[in-house]
Amino acid sequence: MAGIFEIAQAGDKAYYFRLTAADGTVVAVSPLFSSIKSAAAGITAVRENAATGLVVDRSETHSIRAATIRPGGRAIAPTLASRRTGSVAVSR
């Protein structure tokens, strides 16, 4: 089962969304939005960008290993730029 995006209200005029995994684990929580429509647009942006986004290791150790991250079952391949920035790209 895929994750679920839920829009919730925080206070009188603020909305946010959270992404929940199939097992109920909260994976991500958005910043606050001024309307439900804005929160829905945020969900759309996450859906469009997350699948193709780079993973960037900004930790001091740069410990991400290509063999240890396989989102969606796809292998991760380090790029030339990743050696300098700590990012990795998803190979298709």
PDB file of N, CA and C in Angstrom:
ATOM      1  N   MET A   1       0.835  -1.183   0.000  1.00  0.00           N
ATOM      2  CA  MET A   1       0.000   0.000   0.000  1.00  0.00           C
ATOM      3  C   MET A   1       0.882   1.249   0.000  1.00  0.00           C
ATOM      4  N   ALA A   2       0.494   2.222  -0.740  1.00  0.00           N
ATOM      5  CA  ALA A   2       1.235   3.475  -0.819  1.00  0.00           C
ATOM      6  C   ALA A   2       0.973   4.331   0.414  1.00  0.00           C
ATOM      7  N   GLY A   3       1.796   5.340   0.585  1.00  0.00           N
ATOM      8  CA  GLY A   3       1.606   6.278   1.683  1.00  0.00           C
ATOM      9  C   GLY A   3       0.341   7.099   1.498  1.00  0.00           C
ATOM     10  N   ILE A   4      -0.053   7.786   2.554  1.00  0.00           N
ATOM     11  CA  ILE A   4      -1.269   8.604   2.538  1.00  0.00           C
ATOM     12  C   ILE A   4      -0.897  10.035   2.916  1.00  0.00           C
ATOM     13  N   PHE A   5      -1.349  10.997   2.118  1.00  0.00           N
ATOM     14  CA  PHE A   5      -1.224  12.405   2.462  1.00  0.00           C
ATOM     15  C   PHE A   5      -2.493  12.810   3.195  1.00  0.00           C
ATOM     16  N   GLU A   6      -2.339  13.436   4.348  1.00  0.00           N
ATOM     17  CA  GLU A   6      -3.475  13.909   5.126  1.00  0.00           C
ATOM     18  C   GLU A   6      -3.331  15.410   5.335  1.00  0.00           C
ATOM     19  N   ILE A   7      -4.402  16.165   5.073  1.00  0.00           N
ATOM     20  CA  ILE A   7      -4.406  17.598   5.356  1.00  0.00           C
ATOM     21  C   ILE A   7      -5.115  17.787   6.690  1.00  0.00           C
ATOM     22  N   ALA A   8      -4.500  18.569   7.572  1.00  0.00           N
ATOM     23  CA  ALA A   8      -5.076  18.829   8.889  1.00  0.00           C
ATOM     24  C   ALA A   8      -5.035  20.327   9.168  1.00  0.00           C
ATOM     25  N   GLN A   9      -5.830  20.741  10.137  1.00  0.00           N
ATOM     26  CA  GLN A   9      -5.885  22.151  10.506  1.00  0.00           C
ATOM     27  C   GLN A   9      -5.096  22.375  11.787  1.00  0.00           C
ATOM     28  N   ALA A  10      -4.332  23.448  11.798  1.00  0.00           N
ATOM     29  CA  ALA A  10      -3.560  23.846  12.978  1.00  0.00           C
ATOM     30  C   ALA A  10      -3.971  25.266  13.331  1.00  0.00           C
ATOM     31  N   GLY A  11      -4.768  25.415  14.344  1.00  0.00           N
ATOM     32  CA  GLY A  11      -5.258  26.744  14.692  1.00  0.00           C
ATOM     33  C   GLY A  11      -6.430  27.138  13.810  1.00  0.00           C
ATOM     34  N   ASP A  12      -6.788  28.413  13.862  1.00  0.00           N
ATOM     35  CA  ASP A  12      -7.970  28.890  13.148  1.00  0.00           C
ATOM     36  C   ASP A  12      -7.800  28.956  11.637  1.00  0.00           C
ATOM     37  N   LYS A  13      -6.649  29.419  11.179  1.00  0.00           N
ATOM     38  CA  LYS A  13      -6.492  29.677   9.744  1.00  0.00           C
ATOM     39  C   LYS A  13      -5.216  29.084   9.166  1.00  0.00           C
ATOM     40  N   ALA A  14      -4.727  28.020   9.739  1.00  0.00           N
ATOM     41  CA  ALA A  14      -3.498  27.402   9.245  1.00  0.00           C
ATOM     42  C   ALA A  14      -3.748  25.926   8.962  1.00  0.00           C
ATOM     43  N   TYR A  15      -3.137  25.447   7.884  1.00  0.00           N
ATOM     44  CA  TYR A  15      -3.288  24.053   7.469  1.00  0.00           C
ATOM     45  C   TYR A  15      -1.909  23.469   7.201  1.00  0.00           C
ATOM     46  N   TYR A  16      -1.803  22.174   7.340  1.00  0.00           N
ATOM     47  CA  TYR A  16      -0.560  21.479   7.031  1.00  0.00           C
ATOM     48  C   TYR A  16      -0.920  20.096   6.512  1.00  0.00           C
ATOM     49  N   PHE A  17       0.065  19.431   5.923  1.00  0.00           N
ATOM     50  CA  PHE A  17      -0.175  18.044   5.531  1.00  0.00           C
ATOM     51  C   PHE A  17       0.913  17.173   6.120  1.00  0.00           C
ATOM     52  N   ARG A  18       0.585  15.924   6.272  1.00  0.00           N
ATOM     53  CA  ARG A  18       1.579  14.941   6.697  1.00  0.00           C
ATOM     54  C   ARG A  18       1.487  13.750   5.766  1.00  0.00           C
ATOM     55  N   LEU A  19       2.617  13.132   5.548  1.00  0.00           N
ATOM     56  CA  LEU A  19       2.706  11.918   4.744  1.00  0.00           C
ATOM     57  C   LEU A  19       2.900  10.767   5.711  1.00  0.00           C
ATOM     58  N   THR A  20       1.978   9.802   5.651  1.00  0.00           N
ATOM     59  CA  THR A  20       2.008   8.657   6.547  1.00  0.00           C
ATOM     60  C   THR A  20       2.270   7.398   5.736  1.00  0.00           C
ATOM     61  N   ALA A  21       3.205   6.565   6.194  1.00  0.00           N
ATOM     62  CA  ALA A  21       3.518   5.296   5.532  1.00  0.00           C
ATOM     63  C   ALA A  21       2.399   4.295   5.779  1.00  0.00           C
ATOM     64  N   ALA A  22       2.425   3.206   5.029  1.00  0.00           N
ATOM     65  CA  ALA A  22       1.392   2.176   5.144  1.00  0.00           C
ATOM     66  C   ALA A  22       1.286   1.617   6.558  1.00  0.00           C
ATOM     67  N   ASP A  23       2.398   1.602   7.294  1.00  0.00           N
ATOM     68  CA  ASP A  23       2.372   1.077   8.665  1.00  0.00           C
ATOM     69  C   ASP A  23       1.964   2.120   9.703  1.00  0.00           C
ATOM     70  N   GLY A  24       1.612   3.331   9.242  1.00  0.00           N
ATOM     71  CA  GLY A  24       1.165   4.384  10.147  1.00  0.00           C
ATOM     72  C   GLY A  24       2.250   5.334  10.607  1.00  0.00           C
ATOM     73  N   THR A  25       3.486   5.074  10.218  1.00  0.00           N
ATOM     74  CA  THR A  25       4.594   5.944  10.592  1.00  0.00           C
ATOM     75  C   THR A  25       4.480   7.273   9.856  1.00  0.00           C
ATOM     76  N   VAL A  26       4.584   8.385  10.574  1.00  0.00           N
ATOM     77  CA  VAL A  26       4.585   9.702   9.933  1.00  0.00           C
ATOM     78  C   VAL A  26       5.964   9.907   9.320  1.00  0.00           C
ATOM     79  N   VAL A  27       5.982  10.067   8.000  1.00  0.00           N
ATOM     80  CA  VAL A  27       7.229  10.187   7.250  1.00  0.00           C
ATOM     81  C   VAL A  27       7.653  11.642   7.107  1.00  0.00           C
ATOM     82  N   ALA A  28       6.680  12.534   6.910  1.00  0.00           N
ATOM     83  CA  ALA A  28       6.989  13.947   6.714  1.00  0.00           C
ATOM     84  C   ALA A  28       5.815  14.802   7.165  1.00  0.00           C
ATOM     85  N   VAL A  29       6.138  16.005   7.636  1.00  0.00           N
ATOM     86  CA  VAL A  29       5.130  16.986   8.018  1.00  0.00           C
ATOM     87  C   VAL A  29       5.506  18.294   7.339  1.00  0.00           C
ATOM     88  N   SER A  30       4.540  18.934   6.708  1.00  0.00           N
ATOM     89  CA  SER A  30       4.794  20.165   5.964  1.00  0.00           C
ATOM     90  C   SER A  30       4.857  21.374   6.889  1.00  0.00           C
ATOM     91  N   PRO A  31       5.321  22.495   6.343  1.00  0.00           N
ATOM     92  CA  PRO A  31       5.156  23.755   7.069  1.00  0.00           C
ATOM     93  C   PRO A  31       3.680  24.153   7.027  1.00  0.00           C
ATOM     94  N   LEU A  32       3.318  25.235   7.689  1.00  0.00           N
ATOM     95  CA  LEU A  32       1.927  25.695   7.697  1.00  0.00           C
ATOM     96  C   LEU A  32       1.593  26.440   6.410  1.00  0.00           C
ATOM     97  N   PHE A  33       0.357  26.263   5.961  1.00  0.00           N
ATOM     98  CA  PHE A  33      -0.180  26.946   4.788  1.00  0.00           C
ATOM     99  C   PHE A  33      -1.385  27.771   5.214  1.00  0.00           C
ATOM    100  N   SER A  34      -1.688  28.820   4.457  1.00  0.00           N
ATOM    101  CA  SER A  34      -2.799  29.707   4.809  1.00  0.00           C
ATOM    102  C   SER A  34      -4.158  29.189   4.363  1.00  0.00           C
ATOM    103  N   SER A  35      -4.175  28.160   3.511  1.00  0.00           N
ATOM    104  CA  SER A  35      -5.452  27.622   3.034  1.00  0.00           C
ATOM    105  C   SER A  35      -5.315  26.141   2.701  1.00  0.00           C
ATOM    106  N   ILE A  36      -6.453  25.474   2.620  1.00  0.00           N
ATOM    107  CA  ILE A  36      -6.453  24.069   2.211  1.00  0.00           C
ATOM    108  C   ILE A  36      -5.920  23.950   0.788  1.00  0.00           C
ATOM    109  N   LYS A  37      -6.293  24.903  -0.059  1.00  0.00           N
ATOM    110  CA  LYS A  37      -5.835  24.880  -1.450  1.00  0.00           C
ATOM    111  C   LYS A  37      -4.304  24.955  -1.522  1.00  0.00           C
ATOM    112  N   SER A  38      -3.704  25.788  -0.688  1.00  0.00           N
ATOM    113  CA  SER A  38      -2.240  25.892  -0.661  1.00  0.00           C
ATOM    114  C   SER A  38      -1.603  24.603  -0.155  1.00  0.00           C
ATOM    115  N   ALA A  39      -2.213  23.984   0.849  1.00  0.00           N
ATOM    116  CA  ALA A  39      -1.694  22.709   1.359  1.00  0.00           C
ATOM    117  C   ALA A  39      -1.770  21.636   0.275  1.00  0.00           C
ATOM    118  N   ALA A  40      -2.879  21.608  -0.472  1.00  0.00           N
ATOM    119  CA  ALA A  40      -3.025  20.642  -1.564  1.00  0.00           C
ATOM    120  C   ALA A  40      -1.974  20.889  -2.650  1.00  0.00           C
ATOM    121  N   ALA A  41      -1.684  22.156  -2.926  1.00  0.00           N
ATOM    122  CA  ALA A  41      -0.637  22.483  -3.900  1.00  0.00           C
ATOM    123  C   ALA A  41       0.730  22.013  -3.397  1.00  0.00           C
ATOM    124  N   GLY A  42       0.958  22.090  -2.094  1.00  0.00           N
ATOM    125  CA  GLY A  42       2.195  21.580  -1.509  1.00  0.00           C
ATOM    126  C   GLY A  42       2.328  20.079  -1.699  1.00  0.00           C
ATOM    127  N   ILE A  43       1.218  19.363  -1.533  1.00  0.00           N
ATOM    128  CA  ILE A  43       1.222  17.916  -1.763  1.00  0.00           C
ATOM    129  C   ILE A  43       1.569  17.617  -3.213  1.00  0.00           C
ATOM    130  N   THR A  44       0.970  18.360  -4.128  1.00  0.00           N
ATOM    131  CA  THR A  44       1.259  18.174  -5.552  1.00  0.00           C
ATOM    132  C   THR A  44       2.745  18.387  -5.827  1.00  0.00           C
ATOM    133  N   ALA A  45       3.316  19.425  -5.238  1.00  0.00           N
ATOM    134  CA  ALA A  45       4.741  19.707  -5.446  1.00  0.00           C
ATOM    135  C   ALA A  45       5.614  18.570  -4.916  1.00  0.00           C
ATOM    136  N   VAL A  46       5.267  18.031  -3.754  1.00  0.00           N
ATOM    137  CA  VAL A  46       6.039  16.914  -3.199  1.00  0.00           C
ATOM    138  C   VAL A  46       5.934  15.704  -4.111  1.00  0.00           C
ATOM    139  N   ARG A  47       4.725  15.396  -4.572  1.00  0.00           N
ATOM    140  CA  ARG A  47       4.531  14.229  -5.437  1.00  0.00           C
ATOM    141  C   ARG A  47       5.315  14.365  -6.734  1.00  0.00           C
ATOM    142  N   GLU A  48       5.372  15.566  -7.292  1.00  0.00           N
ATOM    143  CA  GLU A  48       6.069  15.777  -8.559  1.00  0.00           C
ATOM    144  C   GLU A  48       7.588  15.763  -8.400  1.00  0.00           C
ATOM    145  N   ASN A  49       8.094  16.219  -7.265  1.00  0.00           N
ATOM    146  CA  ASN A  49       9.537  16.374  -7.100  1.00  0.00           C
ATOM    147  C   ASN A  49      10.226  15.249  -6.347  1.00  0.00           C
ATOM    148  N   ALA A  50       9.528  14.558  -5.488  1.00  0.00           N
ATOM    149  CA  ALA A  50      10.183  13.563  -4.629  1.00  0.00           C
ATOM    150  C   ALA A  50      10.753  12.384  -5.411  1.00  0.00           C
ATOM    151  N   ALA A  51      10.052  11.912  -6.397  1.00  0.00           N
ATOM    152  CA  ALA A  51      10.500  10.724  -7.135  1.00  0.00           C
ATOM    153  C   ALA A  51      11.788  10.965  -7.912  1.00  0.00           C
ATOM    154  N   THR A  52      12.030  12.192  -8.315  1.00  0.00           N
ATOM    155  CA  THR A  52      13.212  12.482  -9.123  1.00  0.00           C
ATOM    156  C   THR A  52      14.254  13.303  -8.379  1.00  0.00           C
ATOM    157  N   GLY A  53      13.996  13.611  -7.125  1.00  0.00           N
ATOM    158  CA  GLY A  53      14.914  14.445  -6.358  1.00  0.00           C
ATOM    159  C   GLY A  53      16.192  13.716  -5.977  1.00  0.00           C
ATOM    160  N   LEU A  54      17.268  14.458  -5.887  1.00  0.00           N
ATOM    161  CA  LEU A  54      18.540  13.906  -5.433  1.00  0.00           C
ATOM    162  C   LEU A  54      18.514  13.733  -3.924  1.00  0.00           C
ATOM    163  N   VAL A  55      19.252  12.762  -3.438  1.00  0.00           N
ATOM    164  CA  VAL A  55      19.477  12.601  -2.009  1.00  0.00           C
ATOM    165  C   VAL A  55      20.785  13.313  -1.711  1.00  0.00           C
ATOM    166  N   VAL A  56      20.768  14.289  -0.823  1.00  0.00           N
ATOM    167  CA  VAL A  56      21.962  15.056  -0.500  1.00  0.00           C
ATOM    168  C   VAL A  56      22.329  14.802   0.955  1.00  0.00           C
ATOM    169  N   ASP A  57      23.535  14.320   1.178  1.00  0.00           N
ATOM    170  CA  ASP A  57      24.045  14.062   2.523  1.00  0.00           C
ATOM    171  C   ASP A  57      24.742  15.324   3.009  1.00  0.00           C
ATOM    172  N   ARG A  58      24.105  16.044   3.900  1.00  0.00           N
ATOM    173  CA  ARG A  58      24.689  17.270   4.436  1.00  0.00           C
ATOM    174  C   ARG A  58      25.289  17.055   5.831  1.00  0.00           C
ATOM    175  N   SER A  59      25.436  15.807   6.207  1.00  0.00           N
ATOM    176  CA  SER A  59      26.056  15.510   7.498  1.00  0.00           C
ATOM    177  C   SER A  59      27.555  15.745   7.406  1.00  0.00           C
ATOM    178  N   GLU A  60      28.184  15.826   8.550  1.00  0.00           N
ATOM    179  CA  GLU A  60      29.631  16.049   8.570  1.00  0.00           C
ATOM    180  C   GLU A  60      30.409  14.858   8.037  1.00  0.00           C
ATOM    181  N   THR A  61      29.840  13.659   8.114  1.00  0.00           N
ATOM    182  CA  THR A  61      30.575  12.459   7.714  1.00  0.00           C
ATOM    183  C   THR A  61      30.372  12.063   6.261  1.00  0.00           C
ATOM    184  N   HIS A  62      29.335  12.582   5.603  1.00  0.00           N
ATOM    185  CA  HIS A  62      28.989  12.164   4.236  1.00  0.00           C
ATOM    186  C   HIS A  62      28.981  10.641   4.150  1.00  0.00           C
ATOM    187  N   SER A  63      28.215  10.016   5.022  1.00  0.00           N
ATOM    188  CA  SER A  63      28.261   8.561   5.168  1.00  0.00           C
ATOM    189  C   SER A  63      27.283   7.794   4.290  1.00  0.00           C
ATOM    190  N   ILE A  64      26.516   8.473   3.442  1.00  0.00           N
ATOM    191  CA  ILE A  64      25.595   7.748   2.568  1.00  0.00           C
ATOM    192  C   ILE A  64      26.398   6.894   1.598  1.00  0.00           C
ATOM    193  N   ARG A  65      26.051   5.640   1.508  1.00  0.00           N
ATOM    194  CA  ARG A  65      26.697   4.709   0.587  1.00  0.00           C
ATOM    195  C   ARG A  65      25.705   4.338  -0.503  1.00  0.00           C
ATOM    196  N   ALA A  66      26.186   4.264  -1.737  1.00  0.00           N
ATOM    197  CA  ALA A  66      25.319   3.955  -2.871  1.00  0.00           C
ATOM    198  C   ALA A  66      24.564   2.655  -2.671  1.00  0.00           C
ATOM    199  N   ALA A  67      25.179   1.680  -2.067  1.00  0.00           N
ATOM    200  CA  ALA A  67      24.544   0.374  -1.910  1.00  0.00           C
ATOM    201  C   ALA A  67      23.500   0.350  -0.808  1.00  0.00           C
ATOM    202  N   THR A  68      23.437   1.382   0.034  1.00  0.00           N
ATOM    203  CA  THR A  68      22.540   1.332   1.182  1.00  0.00           C
ATOM    204  C   THR A  68      21.205   2.021   0.954  1.00  0.00           C
ATOM    205  N   ILE A  69      21.043   2.756  -0.122  1.00  0.00           N
ATOM    206  CA  ILE A  69      19.793   3.468  -0.365  1.00  0.00           C
ATOM    207  C   ILE A  69      19.184   2.973  -1.666  1.00  0.00           C
ATOM    208  N   ARG A  70      18.002   2.423  -1.584  1.00  0.00           N
ATOM    209  CA  ARG A  70      17.320   1.910  -2.762  1.00  0.00           C
ATOM    210  C   ARG A  70      15.835   2.263  -2.704  1.00  0.00           C
ATOM    211  N   PRO A  71      15.481   3.560  -2.890  1.00  0.00           N
ATOM    212  CA  PRO A  71      14.072   3.929  -2.832  1.00  0.00           C
ATOM    213  C   PRO A  71      13.295   3.287  -3.966  1.00  0.00           C
ATOM    214  N   GLY A  72      12.157   2.743  -3.667  1.00  0.00           N
ATOM    215  CA  GLY A  72      11.329   2.126  -4.693  1.00  0.00           C
ATOM    216  C   GLY A  72      11.986   0.935  -5.353  1.00  0.00           C
ATOM    217  N   GLY A  73      13.010   0.364  -4.736  1.00  0.00           N
ATOM    218  CA  GLY A  73      13.673  -0.793  -5.303  1.00  0.00           C
ATOM    219  C   GLY A  73      14.703  -0.471  -6.363  1.00  0.00           C
ATOM    220  N   ARG A  74      14.893   0.796  -6.677  1.00  0.00           N
ATOM    221  CA  ARG A  74      15.872   1.177  -7.696  1.00  0.00           C
ATOM    222  C   ARG A  74      17.247   1.357  -7.074  1.00  0.00           C
ATOM    223  N   ALA A  75      18.258   0.996  -7.827  1.00  0.00           N
ATOM    224  CA  ALA A  75      19.631   1.176  -7.352  1.00  0.00           C
ATOM    225  C   ALA A  75      19.991   2.650  -7.372  1.00  0.00           C
ATOM    226  N   ILE A  76      20.855   3.032  -6.482  1.00  0.00           N
ATOM    227  CA  ILE A  76      21.351   4.400  -6.424  1.00  0.00           C
ATOM    228  C   ILE A  76      22.765   4.410  -6.992  1.00  0.00           C
ATOM    229  N   ALA A  77      23.042   5.368  -7.861  1.00  0.00           N
ATOM    230  CA  ALA A  77      24.378   5.477  -8.450  1.00  0.00           C
ATOM    231  C   ALA A  77      24.987   6.818  -8.078  1.00  0.00           C
ATOM    232  N   PRO A  78      26.208   6.820  -7.554  1.00  0.00           N
ATOM    233  CA  PRO A  78      26.851   8.096  -7.253  1.00  0.00           C
ATOM    234  C   PRO A  78      27.190   8.842  -8.539  1.00  0.00           C
ATOM    235  N   THR A  79      27.080  10.145  -8.515  1.00  0.00           N
ATOM    236  CA  THR A  79      27.455  10.964  -9.665  1.00  0.00           C
ATOM    237  C   THR A  79      28.809  11.604  -9.387  1.00  0.00           C
ATOM    238  N   LEU A  80      29.425  12.150 -10.418  1.00  0.00           N
ATOM    239  CA  LEU A  80      30.696  12.850 -10.235  1.00  0.00           C
ATOM    240  C   LEU A  80      30.526  13.990  -9.240  1.00  0.00           C
ATOM    241  N   ALA A  81      29.418  14.719  -9.362  1.00  0.00           N
ATOM    242  CA  ALA A  81      29.171  15.829  -8.442  1.00  0.00           C
ATOM    243  C   ALA A  81      29.014  15.345  -7.009  1.00  0.00           C
ATOM    244  N   SER A  82      28.533  14.118  -6.831  1.00  0.00           N
ATOM    245  CA  SER A  82      28.307  13.618  -5.473  1.00  0.00           C
ATOM    246  C   SER A  82      29.602  13.493  -4.688  1.00  0.00           C
ATOM    247  N   ARG A  83      30.683  13.305  -5.377  1.00  0.00           N
ATOM    248  CA  ARG A  83      31.962  13.201  -4.674  1.00  0.00           C
ATOM    249  C   ARG A  83      32.316  14.519  -3.995  1.00  0.00           C
ATOM    250  N   ARG A  84      31.801  15.623  -4.562  1.00  0.00           N
ATOM    251  CA  ARG A  84      32.068  16.935  -3.983  1.00  0.00           C
ATOM    252  C   ARG A  84      30.964  17.377  -3.030  1.00  0.00           C
ATOM    253  N   THR A  85      29.704  17.008  -3.330  1.00  0.00           N
ATOM    254  CA  THR A  85      28.580  17.540  -2.563  1.00  0.00           C
ATOM    255  C   THR A  85      27.929  16.543  -1.632  1.00  0.00           C
ATOM    256  N   GLY A  86      28.227  15.263  -1.784  1.00  0.00           N
ATOM    257  CA  GLY A  86      27.591  14.258  -0.952  1.00  0.00           C
ATOM    258  C   GLY A  86      26.233  13.830  -1.460  1.00  0.00           C
ATOM    259  N   SER A  87      25.848  14.207  -2.684  1.00  0.00           N
ATOM    260  CA  SER A  87      24.545  13.823  -3.218  1.00  0.00           C
ATOM    261  C   SER A  87      24.681  12.586  -4.092  1.00  0.00           C
ATOM    262  N   VAL A  88      23.575  11.873  -4.249  1.00  0.00           N
ATOM    263  CA  VAL A  88      23.535  10.708  -5.125  1.00  0.00           C
ATOM    264  C   VAL A  88      22.302  10.806  -6.000  1.00  0.00           C
ATOM    265  N   ALA A  89      22.360  10.228  -7.183  1.00  0.00           N
ATOM    266  CA  ALA A  89      21.235  10.266  -8.112  1.00  0.00           C
ATOM    267  C   ALA A  89      20.646   8.877  -8.261  1.00  0.00           C
ATOM    268  N   VAL A  90      19.344   8.808  -8.475  1.00  0.00           N
ATOM    269  CA  VAL A  90      18.679   7.527  -8.678  1.00  0.00           C
ATOM    270  C   VAL A  90      18.869   7.100 -10.119  1.00  0.00           C
ATOM    271  N   SER A  91      19.371   5.881 -10.329  1.00  0.00           N
ATOM    272  CA  SER A  91      19.505   5.368 -11.691  1.00  0.00           C
ATOM    273  C   SER A  91      18.206   4.709 -12.096  1.00  0.00           C
ATOM    274  N   ARG A  92      17.867   4.779 -13.350  1.00  0.00           N
ATOM    275  CA  ARG A  92      16.602   4.207 -13.828  1.00  0.00           C
ATOM    276  C   ARG A  92      16.862   2.967 -14.625  1.00  0.00           C
TER     277      ARG A  92
END
